[in-house]
């Protein structure tokens, strides 16, 4: 259907009327009639002319009529055309840029605390739900590792990056006394400082076959435990979701069944992460509308998302989820600027 819609070429008048309908729908959430458009947006055109154009736009797939006696509402295809060919792309107002930069500069704590604050701020300003996927831990520089004996076959691993990110998990194996675990940790901390955690893993692999590992049992056992401790670190992204109540309270949720779908969608963090990770494939802000959200129960909603970087390497992503009628002219530059702020903050970590 999208390919058929994109074949149509709209005149300037068609674009103006479609843009006006979408602006009015974003503001009210109600079907838009020809008289409103003629009186409020297109005062030099008669309601009858507007009505004829609206009928043409409906036939093209850009509008639909929920009831025979109602006005028109934009389809996802209508919004796509609006975003690509009609909407004026603006920068975020300077006052909001300054407010965001000052607020984030005051954030204290590690990377997790900073990104949690960014997620909260993004939700407050957009008045929608915000999502931030934290950077993978293995992209940061290694600071220290600690091993804590829990019982005869469980060891707690505490891995800390220089950026302040902490990763805890339990590994299983033979019973090792705490003094010996401390020796393993001291060796790893002294040997692999100033490497990224990914680089630390590569070095451990090389060291496993070195002469030192072959003839020094402490080194060999420390390396083996270090490899076990790092296993799977890069496969466990963390995610912050703020402002879900903004979506739950949306008038676009007409019944309890729809609310249940939205609740389930937010609980499916794995799928949300997969959707957000798609935006890392290309730079810039992306808008996912309706069915592009992988049918996670949000067909009437959309996501405005962007990746953020450490250096020139994409390490995480962030987004705003709200009704498909969200104010994209405001949310798109907001998401883009927040991505830039986070990238700048991570530059030296």
C-alpha atoms as a PDB file:
ATOM      1  CA  UNK A   1       0.000   0.000   0.000  1.00  0.00           C
ATOM      2  CA  UNK A   2       2.860   2.377   0.815  1.00  0.00           C
ATOM      3  CA  UNK A   3       4.360   1.992  -2.665  1.00  0.00           C
ATOM      4  CA  UNK A   4       1.014   2.829  -4.235  1.00  0.00           C
ATOM      5  CA  UNK A   5       0.631   5.905  -2.036  1.00  0.00           C
ATOM      6  CA  UNK A   6       4.126   7.175  -2.809  1.00  0.00           C
ATOM      7  CA  UNK A   7       3.341   7.125  -6.545  1.00  0.00           C
ATOM      8  CA  UNK A   8       1.006  10.101  -6.123  1.00  0.00           C
ATOM      9  CA  UNK A   9       2.334  13.621  -6.610  1.00  0.00           C
ATOM     10  CA  UNK A  10       0.575  16.308  -4.617  1.00  0.00           C
ATOM     11  CA  UNK A  11       0.118  19.886  -5.731  1.00  0.00           C
ATOM     12  CA  UNK A  12       1.141  22.734  -3.456  1.00  0.00           C
ATOM     13  CA  UNK A  13      -2.519  23.223  -2.532  1.00  0.00           C
ATOM     14  CA  UNK A  14      -2.894  19.513  -1.729  1.00  0.00           C
ATOM     15  CA  UNK A  15       0.183  19.692   0.502  1.00  0.00           C
ATOM     16  CA  UNK A  16      -1.096  22.790   2.266  1.00  0.00           C
ATOM     17  CA  UNK A  17      -4.447  21.188   3.015  1.00  0.00           C
ATOM     18  CA  UNK A  18      -2.899  17.890   4.144  1.00  0.00           C
ATOM     19  CA  UNK A  19      -0.473  19.817   6.365  1.00  0.00           C
ATOM     20  CA  UNK A  20      -3.318  21.851   7.866  1.00  0.00           C
ATOM     21  CA  UNK A  21      -5.364  18.710   8.554  1.00  0.00           C
ATOM     22  CA  UNK A  22      -2.435  17.099  10.339  1.00  0.00           C
ATOM     23  CA  UNK A  23      -1.718  20.228  12.393  1.00  0.00           C
ATOM     24  CA  UNK A  24      -5.348  20.396  13.477  1.00  0.00           C
ATOM     25  CA  UNK A  25      -5.501  16.676  14.226  1.00  0.00           C
ATOM     26  CA  UNK A  26      -2.297  16.849  16.278  1.00  0.00           C
ATOM     27  CA  UNK A  27      -3.798  19.706  18.294  1.00  0.00           C
ATOM     28  CA  UNK A  28      -7.247  18.187  18.903  1.00  0.00           C
ATOM     29  CA  UNK A  29      -7.140  14.446  18.256  1.00  0.00           C
ATOM     30  CA  UNK A  30     -10.526  14.786  16.561  1.00  0.00           C
ATOM     31  CA  UNK A  31     -11.600  14.192  12.928  1.00  0.00           C
ATOM     32  CA  UNK A  32     -11.053  17.367  10.931  1.00  0.00           C
ATOM     33  CA  UNK A  33     -13.800  18.914   8.795  1.00  0.00           C
ATOM     34  CA  UNK A  34     -13.464  21.069   5.684  1.00  0.00           C
ATOM     35  CA  UNK A  35     -15.043  24.107   7.346  1.00  0.00           C
ATOM     36  CA  UNK A  36     -12.378  24.158  10.077  1.00  0.00           C
ATOM     37  CA  UNK A  37      -9.606  24.041   7.484  1.00  0.00           C
ATOM     38  CA  UNK A  38     -11.186  26.753   5.329  1.00  0.00           C
ATOM     39  CA  UNK A  39     -11.890  29.040   8.278  1.00  0.00           C
ATOM     40  CA  UNK A  40      -8.672  28.526  10.242  1.00  0.00           C
ATOM     41  CA  UNK A  41      -5.955  27.665   7.735  1.00  0.00           C
ATOM     42  CA  UNK A  42      -7.067  28.256   4.129  1.00  0.00           C
ATOM     43  CA  UNK A  43      -9.233  31.373   4.230  1.00  0.00           C
ATOM     44  CA  UNK A  44      -8.872  32.036   0.482  1.00  0.00           C
ATOM     45  CA  UNK A  45     -10.348  28.626  -0.417  1.00  0.00           C
ATOM     46  CA  UNK A  46     -13.986  27.628  -0.022  1.00  0.00           C
ATOM     47  CA  UNK A  47     -15.038  24.705   2.208  1.00  0.00           C
ATOM     48  CA  UNK A  48     -16.353  22.944  -0.911  1.00  0.00           C
ATOM     49  CA  UNK A  49     -12.918  23.104  -2.556  1.00  0.00           C
ATOM     50  CA  UNK A  50     -11.256  21.862   0.621  1.00  0.00           C
ATOM     51  CA  UNK A  51     -13.804  19.048   0.768  1.00  0.00           C
ATOM     52  CA  UNK A  52     -12.966  17.966  -2.776  1.00  0.00           C
ATOM     53  CA  UNK A  53      -9.226  17.937  -2.025  1.00  0.00           C
ATOM     54  CA  UNK A  54      -9.867  15.953   1.159  1.00  0.00           C
ATOM     55  CA  UNK A  55     -11.786  13.383  -0.864  1.00  0.00           C
ATOM     56  CA  UNK A  56      -8.848  13.098  -3.275  1.00  0.00           C
ATOM     57  CA  UNK A  57      -6.392  12.709  -0.385  1.00  0.00           C
ATOM     58  CA  UNK A  58      -8.592   9.979   1.068  1.00  0.00           C
ATOM     59  CA  UNK A  59      -8.600   8.157  -2.256  1.00  0.00           C
ATOM     60  CA  UNK A  60      -4.800   8.368  -2.350  1.00  0.00           C
ATOM     61  CA  UNK A  61      -4.591   6.779   1.118  1.00  0.00           C
ATOM     62  CA  UNK A  62      -3.427   9.817   3.065  1.00  0.00           C
ATOM     63  CA  UNK A  63      -6.703  10.373   4.958  1.00  0.00           C
ATOM     64  CA  UNK A  64      -9.569   8.234   6.186  1.00  0.00           C
ATOM     65  CA  UNK A  65     -13.067   8.925   7.470  1.00  0.00           C
ATOM     66  CA  UNK A  66     -13.881   7.094  10.729  1.00  0.00           C
ATOM     67  CA  UNK A  67     -17.633   7.676  10.269  1.00  0.00           C
ATOM     68  CA  UNK A  68     -19.784   8.766   7.365  1.00  0.00           C
ATOM     69  CA  UNK A  69     -20.750  12.036   9.033  1.00  0.00           C
ATOM     70  CA  UNK A  70     -17.299  12.743  10.500  1.00  0.00           C
ATOM     71  CA  UNK A  71     -14.359  14.697   9.173  1.00  0.00           C
ATOM     72  CA  UNK A  72     -11.094  13.105   8.089  1.00  0.00           C
ATOM     73  CA  UNK A  73      -8.099  11.841  10.004  1.00  0.00           C
ATOM     74  CA  UNK A  74      -4.571  11.244   8.644  1.00  0.00           C
ATOM     75  CA  UNK A  75      -3.387   7.685   8.016  1.00  0.00           C
ATOM     76  CA  UNK A  76       0.187   6.567   8.818  1.00  0.00           C
ATOM     77  CA  UNK A  77       0.894   7.105   5.117  1.00  0.00           C
ATOM     78  CA  UNK A  78      -0.405  10.657   5.466  1.00  0.00           C
ATOM     79  CA  UNK A  79       1.958  11.254   8.358  1.00  0.00           C
ATOM     80  CA  UNK A  80       4.861   9.759   6.373  1.00  0.00           C
ATOM     81  CA  UNK A  81       4.217  12.120   3.492  1.00  0.00           C
ATOM     82  CA  UNK A  82       3.886  15.016   5.921  1.00  0.00           C
ATOM     83  CA  UNK A  83       7.220  14.184   7.555  1.00  0.00           C
ATOM     84  CA  UNK A  84       9.112  13.771   4.292  1.00  0.00           C
ATOM     85  CA  UNK A  85       7.592  16.497   2.087  1.00  0.00           C
ATOM     86  CA  UNK A  86       5.537  19.008   4.066  1.00  0.00           C
ATOM     87  CA  UNK A  87       6.733  19.552   7.632  1.00  0.00           C
ATOM     88  CA  UNK A  88       9.188  22.367   8.139  1.00  0.00           C
ATOM     89  CA  UNK A  89      12.222  21.000   9.967  1.00  0.00           C
ATOM     90  CA  UNK A  90      13.270  23.327  12.756  1.00  0.00           C
ATOM     91  CA  UNK A  91      16.057  23.490  15.299  1.00  0.00           C
ATOM     92  CA  UNK A  92      15.244  23.128  18.963  1.00  0.00           C
ATOM     93  CA  UNK A  93      14.661  26.593  20.466  1.00  0.00           C
ATOM     94  CA  UNK A  94      17.797  28.018  22.084  1.00  0.00           C
ATOM     95  CA  UNK A  95      16.102  28.346  25.466  1.00  0.00           C
ATOM     96  CA  UNK A  96      15.395  24.598  25.528  1.00  0.00           C
ATOM     97  CA  UNK A  97      18.913  23.758  24.351  1.00  0.00           C
ATOM     98  CA  UNK A  98      20.331  25.845  27.182  1.00  0.00           C
ATOM     99  CA  UNK A  99      17.986  24.289  29.728  1.00  0.00           C
ATOM    100  CA  UNK A 100      18.921  20.740  28.648  1.00  0.00           C
ATOM    101  CA  UNK A 101      22.660  21.446  28.593  1.00  0.00           C
ATOM    102  CA  UNK A 102      22.622  23.083  32.031  1.00  0.00           C
ATOM    103  CA  UNK A 103      20.450  20.350  33.512  1.00  0.00           C
ATOM    104  CA  UNK A 104      22.661  17.566  32.167  1.00  0.00           C
ATOM    105  CA  UNK A 105      25.844  19.356  33.242  1.00  0.00           C
ATOM    106  CA  UNK A 106      24.577  19.173  36.832  1.00  0.00           C
ATOM    107  CA  UNK A 107      23.967  15.416  36.651  1.00  0.00           C
ATOM    108  CA  UNK A 108      26.048  13.604  39.243  1.00  0.00           C
ATOM    109  CA  UNK A 109      27.066   9.968  39.509  1.00  0.00           C
ATOM    110  CA  UNK A 110      28.073   7.517  36.818  1.00  0.00           C
ATOM    111  CA  UNK A 111      26.868   6.993  33.279  1.00  0.00           C
ATOM    112  CA  UNK A 112      23.756   5.133  34.432  1.00  0.00           C
ATOM    113  CA  UNK A 113      22.668   8.013  36.647  1.00  0.00           C
ATOM    114  CA  UNK A 114      23.321  10.500  33.862  1.00  0.00           C
ATOM    115  CA  UNK A 115      21.307   8.523  31.321  1.00  0.00           C
ATOM    116  CA  UNK A 116      18.473   7.977  33.781  1.00  0.00           C
ATOM    117  CA  UNK A 117      18.361  11.754  34.246  1.00  0.00           C
ATOM    118  CA  UNK A 118      18.400  12.239  30.465  1.00  0.00           C
ATOM    119  CA  UNK A 119      15.501   9.814  30.064  1.00  0.00           C
ATOM    120  CA  UNK A 120      13.481  11.640  32.704  1.00  0.00           C
ATOM    121  CA  UNK A 121      14.183  15.027  31.111  1.00  0.00           C
ATOM    122  CA  UNK A 122      13.291  13.745  27.643  1.00  0.00           C
ATOM    123  CA  UNK A 123       9.953  12.481  28.934  1.00  0.00           C
ATOM    124  CA  UNK A 124       9.172  15.735  30.757  1.00  0.00           C
ATOM    125  CA  UNK A 125       9.892  17.964  27.771  1.00  0.00           C
ATOM    126  CA  UNK A 126       8.204  15.762  25.157  1.00  0.00           C
ATOM    127  CA  UNK A 127       5.242  14.940  27.442  1.00  0.00           C
ATOM    128  CA  UNK A 128       5.484  11.357  26.196  1.00  0.00           C
ATOM    129  CA  UNK A 129       7.280   8.192  27.207  1.00  0.00           C
ATOM    130  CA  UNK A 130      11.040   8.147  26.740  1.00  0.00           C
ATOM    131  CA  UNK A 131      13.372   5.213  26.272  1.00  0.00           C
ATOM    132  CA  UNK A 132      17.154   5.113  26.476  1.00  0.00           C
ATOM    133  CA  UNK A 133      19.272   2.028  25.844  1.00  0.00           C
ATOM    134  CA  UNK A 134      22.484   2.249  27.827  1.00  0.00           C
ATOM    135  CA  UNK A 135      25.828   1.788  26.085  1.00  0.00           C
ATOM    136  CA  UNK A 136      27.255  -1.693  26.073  1.00  0.00           C
ATOM    137  CA  UNK A 137      29.607  -2.022  29.008  1.00  0.00           C
ATOM    138  CA  UNK A 138      32.414  -3.504  26.916  1.00  0.00           C
ATOM    139  CA  UNK A 139      32.850  -0.218  24.998  1.00  0.00           C
ATOM    140  CA  UNK A 140      34.118   1.547  28.131  1.00  0.00           C
ATOM    141  CA  UNK A 141      37.527   1.489  29.782  1.00  0.00           C
ATOM    142  CA  UNK A 142      38.148  -1.107  32.441  1.00  0.00           C
ATOM    143  CA  UNK A 143      38.701   0.173  35.992  1.00  0.00           C
ATOM    144  CA  UNK A 144      38.531  -2.849  38.267  1.00  0.00           C
ATOM    145  CA  UNK A 145      37.031  -6.247  38.861  1.00  0.00           C
ATOM    146  CA  UNK A 146      36.222  -7.902  42.193  1.00  0.00           C
ATOM    147  CA  UNK A 147      35.267 -11.467  43.031  1.00  0.00           C
ATOM    148  CA  UNK A 148      33.210 -12.309  46.117  1.00  0.00           C
ATOM    149  CA  UNK A 149      32.755 -15.899  47.279  1.00  0.00           C
ATOM    150  CA  UNK A 150      29.066 -16.556  47.971  1.00  0.00           C
ATOM    151  CA  UNK A 151      29.236 -20.303  48.684  1.00  0.00           C
ATOM    152  CA  UNK A 152      31.027 -23.458  47.527  1.00  0.00           C
ATOM    153  CA  UNK A 153      30.084 -23.051  43.847  1.00  0.00           C
ATOM    154  CA  UNK A 154      28.977 -19.420  43.344  1.00  0.00           C
ATOM    155  CA  UNK A 155      31.112 -16.295  42.863  1.00  0.00           C
ATOM    156  CA  UNK A 156      29.779 -12.765  42.570  1.00  0.00           C
ATOM    157  CA  UNK A 157      31.558 -10.741  39.867  1.00  0.00           C
ATOM    158  CA  UNK A 158      31.606  -6.937  40.234  1.00  0.00           C
ATOM    159  CA  UNK A 159      32.931  -5.261  37.084  1.00  0.00           C
ATOM    160  CA  UNK A 160      33.409  -1.471  37.104  1.00  0.00           C
ATOM    161  CA  UNK A 161      34.240   0.808  34.166  1.00  0.00           C
ATOM    162  CA  UNK A 162      36.094   4.113  34.464  1.00  0.00           C
ATOM    163  CA  UNK A 163      32.845   5.808  33.472  1.00  0.00           C
ATOM    164  CA  UNK A 164      31.234   4.468  36.636  1.00  0.00           C
ATOM    165  CA  UNK A 165      29.119   1.735  35.067  1.00  0.00           C
ATOM    166  CA  UNK A 166      28.833  -1.324  37.299  1.00  0.00           C
ATOM    167  CA  UNK A 167      27.939  -4.807  36.125  1.00  0.00           C
ATOM    168  CA  UNK A 168      27.156  -7.540  38.669  1.00  0.00           C
ATOM    169  CA  UNK A 169      26.515 -11.177  37.939  1.00  0.00           C
ATOM    170  CA  UNK A 170      27.121 -14.614  39.390  1.00  0.00           C
ATOM    171  CA  UNK A 171      29.371 -17.277  37.887  1.00  0.00           C
ATOM    172  CA  UNK A 172      29.389 -20.929  38.861  1.00  0.00           C
ATOM    173  CA  UNK A 173      32.373 -23.210  39.326  1.00  0.00           C
ATOM    174  CA  UNK A 174      34.682 -24.824  41.822  1.00  0.00           C
ATOM    175  CA  UNK A 175      34.994 -23.672  45.422  1.00  0.00           C
ATOM    176  CA  UNK A 176      37.687 -20.955  45.690  1.00  0.00           C
ATOM    177  CA  UNK A 177      38.632 -19.305  48.977  1.00  0.00           C
ATOM    178  CA  UNK A 178      38.241 -15.521  49.204  1.00  0.00           C
ATOM    179  CA  UNK A 179      41.987 -14.848  49.599  1.00  0.00           C
ATOM    180  CA  UNK A 180      42.645 -16.644  46.323  1.00  0.00           C
ATOM    181  CA  UNK A 181      39.840 -14.696  44.612  1.00  0.00           C
ATOM    182  CA  UNK A 182      41.442 -11.479  45.828  1.00  0.00           C
ATOM    183  CA  UNK A 183      44.750 -12.548  44.246  1.00  0.00           C
ATOM    184  CA  UNK A 184      43.016 -13.213  40.914  1.00  0.00           C
ATOM    185  CA  UNK A 185      41.327  -9.815  41.028  1.00  0.00           C
ATOM    186  CA  UNK A 186      44.591  -8.035  41.914  1.00  0.00           C
ATOM    187  CA  UNK A 187      46.360  -9.659  38.972  1.00  0.00           C
ATOM    188  CA  UNK A 188      43.615  -8.701  36.512  1.00  0.00           C
ATOM    189  CA  UNK A 189      43.355  -5.142  37.872  1.00  0.00           C
ATOM    190  CA  UNK A 190      47.098  -4.620  37.655  1.00  0.00           C
ATOM    191  CA  UNK A 191      47.539  -6.160  34.210  1.00  0.00           C
ATOM    192  CA  UNK A 192      44.611  -4.849  32.179  1.00  0.00           C
ATOM    193  CA  UNK A 193      44.212  -1.255  33.383  1.00  0.00           C
ATOM    194  CA  UNK A 194      43.588   1.373  30.690  1.00  0.00           C
ATOM    195  CA  UNK A 195      42.093  -1.111  28.208  1.00  0.00           C
ATOM    196  CA  UNK A 196      38.518  -1.086  27.053  1.00  0.00           C
ATOM    197  CA  UNK A 197      36.614  -4.039  28.430  1.00  0.00           C
ATOM    198  CA  UNK A 198      36.397  -5.369  24.876  1.00  0.00           C
ATOM    199  CA  UNK A 199      40.169  -4.961  24.599  1.00  0.00           C
ATOM    200  CA  UNK A 200      40.599  -6.684  27.953  1.00  0.00           C
ATOM    201  CA  UNK A 201      38.682  -9.678  26.621  1.00  0.00           C
ATOM    202  CA  UNK A 202      40.906  -9.851  23.532  1.00  0.00           C
ATOM    203  CA  UNK A 203      44.041  -9.705  25.681  1.00  0.00           C
ATOM    204  CA  UNK A 204      42.758 -12.456  27.971  1.00  0.00           C
ATOM    205  CA  UNK A 205      42.238 -14.699  24.952  1.00  0.00           C
ATOM    206  CA  UNK A 206      45.830 -14.073  23.833  1.00  0.00           C
ATOM    207  CA  UNK A 207      47.208 -14.589  27.328  1.00  0.00           C
ATOM    208  CA  UNK A 208      45.515 -17.962  27.687  1.00  0.00           C
ATOM    209  CA  UNK A 209      48.102 -19.504  25.344  1.00  0.00           C
ATOM    210  CA  UNK A 210      51.100 -17.537  26.630  1.00  0.00           C
ATOM    211  CA  UNK A 211      54.073 -19.129  28.394  1.00  0.00           C
ATOM    212  CA  UNK A 212      53.224 -17.166  31.528  1.00  0.00           C
ATOM    213  CA  UNK A 213      49.785 -18.784  31.705  1.00  0.00           C
ATOM    214  CA  UNK A 214      51.270 -22.216  31.031  1.00  0.00           C
ATOM    215  CA  UNK A 215      53.814 -22.084  33.858  1.00  0.00           C
ATOM    216  CA  UNK A 216      52.124 -19.847  36.445  1.00  0.00           C
ATOM    217  CA  UNK A 217      49.017 -21.444  37.926  1.00  0.00           C
ATOM    218  CA  UNK A 218      47.776 -18.177  39.487  1.00  0.00           C
ATOM    219  CA  UNK A 219      47.958 -16.383  36.141  1.00  0.00           C
ATOM    220  CA  UNK A 220      46.229 -19.251  34.352  1.00  0.00           C
ATOM    221  CA  UNK A 221      43.416 -19.470  36.887  1.00  0.00           C
ATOM    222  CA  UNK A 222      43.006 -15.680  37.022  1.00  0.00           C
ATOM    223  CA  UNK A 223      42.728 -15.523  33.219  1.00  0.00           C
ATOM    224  CA  UNK A 224      40.215 -18.371  33.137  1.00  0.00           C
ATOM    225  CA  UNK A 225      38.071 -16.731  35.786  1.00  0.00           C
ATOM    226  CA  UNK A 226      38.413 -13.383  34.027  1.00  0.00           C
ATOM    227  CA  UNK A 227      37.160 -14.908  30.765  1.00  0.00           C
ATOM    228  CA  UNK A 228      34.219 -16.472  32.595  1.00  0.00           C
ATOM    229  CA  UNK A 229      33.441 -13.146  34.276  1.00  0.00           C
ATOM    230  CA  UNK A 230      33.401 -11.253  30.962  1.00  0.00           C
ATOM    231  CA  UNK A 231      31.350 -13.840  29.111  1.00  0.00           C
ATOM    232  CA  UNK A 232      28.143 -12.298  27.824  1.00  0.00           C
ATOM    233  CA  UNK A 233      28.766  -8.776  29.169  1.00  0.00           C
ATOM    234  CA  UNK A 234      28.158  -7.219  25.739  1.00  0.00           C
ATOM    235  CA  UNK A 235      24.924  -9.161  25.255  1.00  0.00           C
ATOM    236  CA  UNK A 236      22.998  -7.641  28.149  1.00  0.00           C
ATOM    237  CA  UNK A 237      21.896  -4.092  27.331  1.00  0.00           C
ATOM    238  CA  UNK A 238      20.170  -2.110  30.026  1.00  0.00           C
ATOM    239  CA  UNK A 239      17.197   0.138  29.325  1.00  0.00           C
ATOM    240  CA  UNK A 240      15.430   3.039  31.024  1.00  0.00           C
ATOM    241  CA  UNK A 241      11.764   3.775  30.316  1.00  0.00           C
ATOM    242  CA  UNK A 242      10.275   6.944  31.797  1.00  0.00           C
ATOM    243  CA  UNK A 243       6.864   8.569  31.502  1.00  0.00           C
ATOM    244  CA  UNK A 244       4.796   5.506  30.607  1.00  0.00           C
ATOM    245  CA  UNK A 245       1.842   7.109  32.379  1.00  0.00           C
ATOM    246  CA  UNK A 246       1.790   9.793  29.661  1.00  0.00           C
ATOM    247  CA  UNK A 247       0.976   7.068  27.143  1.00  0.00           C
ATOM    248  CA  UNK A 248      -1.426   5.224  29.450  1.00  0.00           C
ATOM    249  CA  UNK A 249      -3.394   8.456  29.980  1.00  0.00           C
ATOM    250  CA  UNK A 250      -3.537   9.296  26.295  1.00  0.00           C
ATOM    251  CA  UNK A 251      -7.076   9.913  24.959  1.00  0.00           C
ATOM    252  CA  UNK A 252      -6.010   7.828  21.941  1.00  0.00           C
ATOM    253  CA  UNK A 253      -6.448   4.751  24.153  1.00  0.00           C
ATOM    254  CA  UNK A 254     -10.162   4.287  23.711  1.00  0.00           C
ATOM    255  CA  UNK A 255     -10.659   1.085  25.699  1.00  0.00           C
ATOM    256  CA  UNK A 256      -9.125  -1.260  28.240  1.00  0.00           C
ATOM    257  CA  UNK A 257      -8.083  -3.755  25.568  1.00  0.00           C
ATOM    258  CA  UNK A 258      -5.890  -1.130  23.902  1.00  0.00           C
ATOM    259  CA  UNK A 259      -4.454  -0.153  27.287  1.00  0.00           C
ATOM    260  CA  UNK A 260      -3.593  -3.798  27.941  1.00  0.00           C
ATOM    261  CA  UNK A 261      -1.783  -3.964  24.586  1.00  0.00           C
ATOM    262  CA  UNK A 262       0.284  -0.895  25.451  1.00  0.00           C
ATOM    263  CA  UNK A 263       1.181  -2.233  28.910  1.00  0.00           C
ATOM    264  CA  UNK A 264       2.320  -5.520  27.340  1.00  0.00           C
ATOM    265  CA  UNK A 265       4.342  -3.628  24.722  1.00  0.00           C
ATOM    266  CA  UNK A 266       6.278  -1.725  27.373  1.00  0.00           C
ATOM    267  CA  UNK A 267       6.939  -4.980  29.227  1.00  0.00           C
ATOM    268  CA  UNK A 268       8.439  -6.518  26.071  1.00  0.00           C
ATOM    269  CA  UNK A 269      11.765  -4.792  26.536  1.00  0.00           C
ATOM    270  CA  UNK A 270      13.594  -7.192  24.255  1.00  0.00           C
ATOM    271  CA  UNK A 271      11.498  -6.141  21.287  1.00  0.00           C
ATOM    272  CA  UNK A 272      11.756  -2.449  22.174  1.00  0.00           C
ATOM    273  CA  UNK A 273      15.545  -2.813  22.286  1.00  0.00           C
ATOM    274  CA  UNK A 274      15.502  -4.542  18.893  1.00  0.00           C
ATOM    275  CA  UNK A 275      13.401  -1.737  17.395  1.00  0.00           C
ATOM    276  CA  UNK A 276      15.610   0.983  18.862  1.00  0.00           C
ATOM    277  CA  UNK A 277      18.779  -0.757  17.723  1.00  0.00           C
ATOM    278  CA  UNK A 278      17.555  -0.447  14.140  1.00  0.00           C
ATOM    279  CA  UNK A 279      18.174   3.298  14.315  1.00  0.00           C
ATOM    280  CA  UNK A 280      21.888   2.662  14.869  1.00  0.00           C
ATOM    281  CA  UNK A 281      22.210   1.427  11.295  1.00  0.00           C
ATOM    282  CA  UNK A 282      22.082   4.990   9.908  1.00  0.00           C
ATOM    283  CA  UNK A 283      22.903   8.339  11.517  1.00  0.00           C
ATOM    284  CA  UNK A 284      20.262  10.890  12.366  1.00  0.00           C
ATOM    285  CA  UNK A 285      16.764  10.909  13.816  1.00  0.00           C
ATOM    286  CA  UNK A 286      14.288   8.294  12.571  1.00  0.00           C
ATOM    287  CA  UNK A 287      10.502   8.177  12.903  1.00  0.00           C
ATOM    288  CA  UNK A 288       8.771   4.792  13.122  1.00  0.00           C
ATOM    289  CA  UNK A 289       5.036   4.906  12.545  1.00  0.00           C
ATOM    290  CA  UNK A 290       2.361   2.335  13.368  1.00  0.00           C
ATOM    291  CA  UNK A 291       3.189  -1.015  11.787  1.00  0.00           C
ATOM    292  CA  UNK A 292       6.887  -0.073  11.651  1.00  0.00           C
ATOM    293  CA  UNK A 293       6.837  -0.689  15.413  1.00  0.00           C
ATOM    294  CA  UNK A 294       6.803  -4.451  14.678  1.00  0.00           C
ATOM    295  CA  UNK A 295       3.159  -4.860  15.731  1.00  0.00           C
ATOM    296  CA  UNK A 296       4.012  -4.758  19.438  1.00  0.00           C
ATOM    297  CA  UNK A 297       0.547  -3.433  20.272  1.00  0.00           C
ATOM    298  CA  UNK A 298       1.328   0.163  19.309  1.00  0.00           C
ATOM    299  CA  UNK A 299      -0.186   0.441  15.847  1.00  0.00           C
ATOM    300  CA  UNK A 300      -1.682   3.850  16.759  1.00  0.00           C
ATOM    301  CA  UNK A 301       1.599   5.097  18.180  1.00  0.00           C
ATOM    302  CA  UNK A 302       4.972   6.165  16.864  1.00  0.00           C
ATOM    303  CA  UNK A 303       8.579   6.376  17.978  1.00  0.00           C
ATOM    304  CA  UNK A 304      11.046   9.177  17.285  1.00  0.00           C
ATOM    305  CA  UNK A 305      14.513   7.748  17.853  1.00  0.00           C
ATOM    306  CA  UNK A 306      18.217   8.366  17.370  1.00  0.00           C
ATOM    307  CA  UNK A 307      21.495   6.705  18.161  1.00  0.00           C
ATOM    308  CA  UNK A 308      24.150   8.385  20.277  1.00  0.00           C
ATOM    309  CA  UNK A 309      27.880   7.839  20.043  1.00  0.00           C
ATOM    310  CA  UNK A 310      31.113   7.573  21.941  1.00  0.00           C
ATOM    311  CA  UNK A 311      33.651   9.086  19.604  1.00  0.00           C
ATOM    312  CA  UNK A 312      32.382   8.106  16.174  1.00  0.00           C
ATOM    313  CA  UNK A 313      31.076   4.729  17.333  1.00  0.00           C
ATOM    314  CA  UNK A 314      27.320   4.296  17.981  1.00  0.00           C
ATOM    315  CA  UNK A 315      26.959   2.851  21.485  1.00  0.00           C
ATOM    316  CA  UNK A 316      23.302   3.335  22.416  1.00  0.00           C
ATOM    317  CA  UNK A 317      19.982   4.754  21.319  1.00  0.00           C
ATOM    318  CA  UNK A 318      17.168   6.858  22.688  1.00  0.00           C
ATOM    319  CA  UNK A 319      13.616   7.558  21.669  1.00  0.00           C
ATOM    320  CA  UNK A 320      10.251   9.068  22.451  1.00  0.00           C
ATOM    321  CA  UNK A 321       7.074   6.984  22.176  1.00  0.00           C
ATOM    322  CA  UNK A 322       3.691   8.650  21.928  1.00  0.00           C
ATOM    323  CA  UNK A 323       0.465   8.787  19.936  1.00  0.00           C
ATOM    324  CA  UNK A 324       0.945   8.836  16.178  1.00  0.00           C
ATOM    325  CA  UNK A 325      -0.404  12.393  16.289  1.00  0.00           C
ATOM    326  CA  UNK A 326       2.531  13.686  18.348  1.00  0.00           C
ATOM    327  CA  UNK A 327       4.044  17.071  17.486  1.00  0.00           C
ATOM    328  CA  UNK A 328       6.939  15.874  15.321  1.00  0.00           C
ATOM    329  CA  UNK A 329       8.190  19.400  14.573  1.00  0.00           C
ATOM    330  CA  UNK A 330       8.991  19.657  18.285  1.00  0.00           C
ATOM    331  CA  UNK A 331       9.949  16.079  19.188  1.00  0.00           C
ATOM    332  CA  UNK A 332      12.334  15.402  16.273  1.00  0.00           C
ATOM    333  CA  UNK A 333      14.763  18.248  17.103  1.00  0.00           C
ATOM    334  CA  UNK A 334      14.426  17.428  20.810  1.00  0.00           C
ATOM    335  CA  UNK A 335      15.543  13.822  20.286  1.00  0.00           C
ATOM    336  CA  UNK A 336      18.333  14.938  17.961  1.00  0.00           C
ATOM    337  CA  UNK A 337      19.683  17.456  20.434  1.00  0.00           C
ATOM    338  CA  UNK A 338      19.526  15.051  23.375  1.00  0.00           C
ATOM    339  CA  UNK A 339      21.475  12.501  21.301  1.00  0.00           C
ATOM    340  CA  UNK A 340      24.129  15.165  20.636  1.00  0.00           C
ATOM    341  CA  UNK A 341      24.366  16.094  24.332  1.00  0.00           C
ATOM    342  CA  UNK A 342      24.825  12.455  25.358  1.00  0.00           C
ATOM    343  CA  UNK A 343      27.420  11.879  22.621  1.00  0.00           C
ATOM    344  CA  UNK A 344      29.401  14.907  23.817  1.00  0.00           C
ATOM    345  CA  UNK A 345      29.241  13.726  27.441  1.00  0.00           C
ATOM    346  CA  UNK A 346      30.515  10.255  26.530  1.00  0.00           C
ATOM    347  CA  UNK A 347      33.336  11.523  24.313  1.00  0.00           C
ATOM    348  CA  UNK A 348      36.097  11.151  26.894  1.00  0.00           C
ATOM    349  CA  UNK A 349      34.787   8.183  28.872  1.00  0.00           C
END
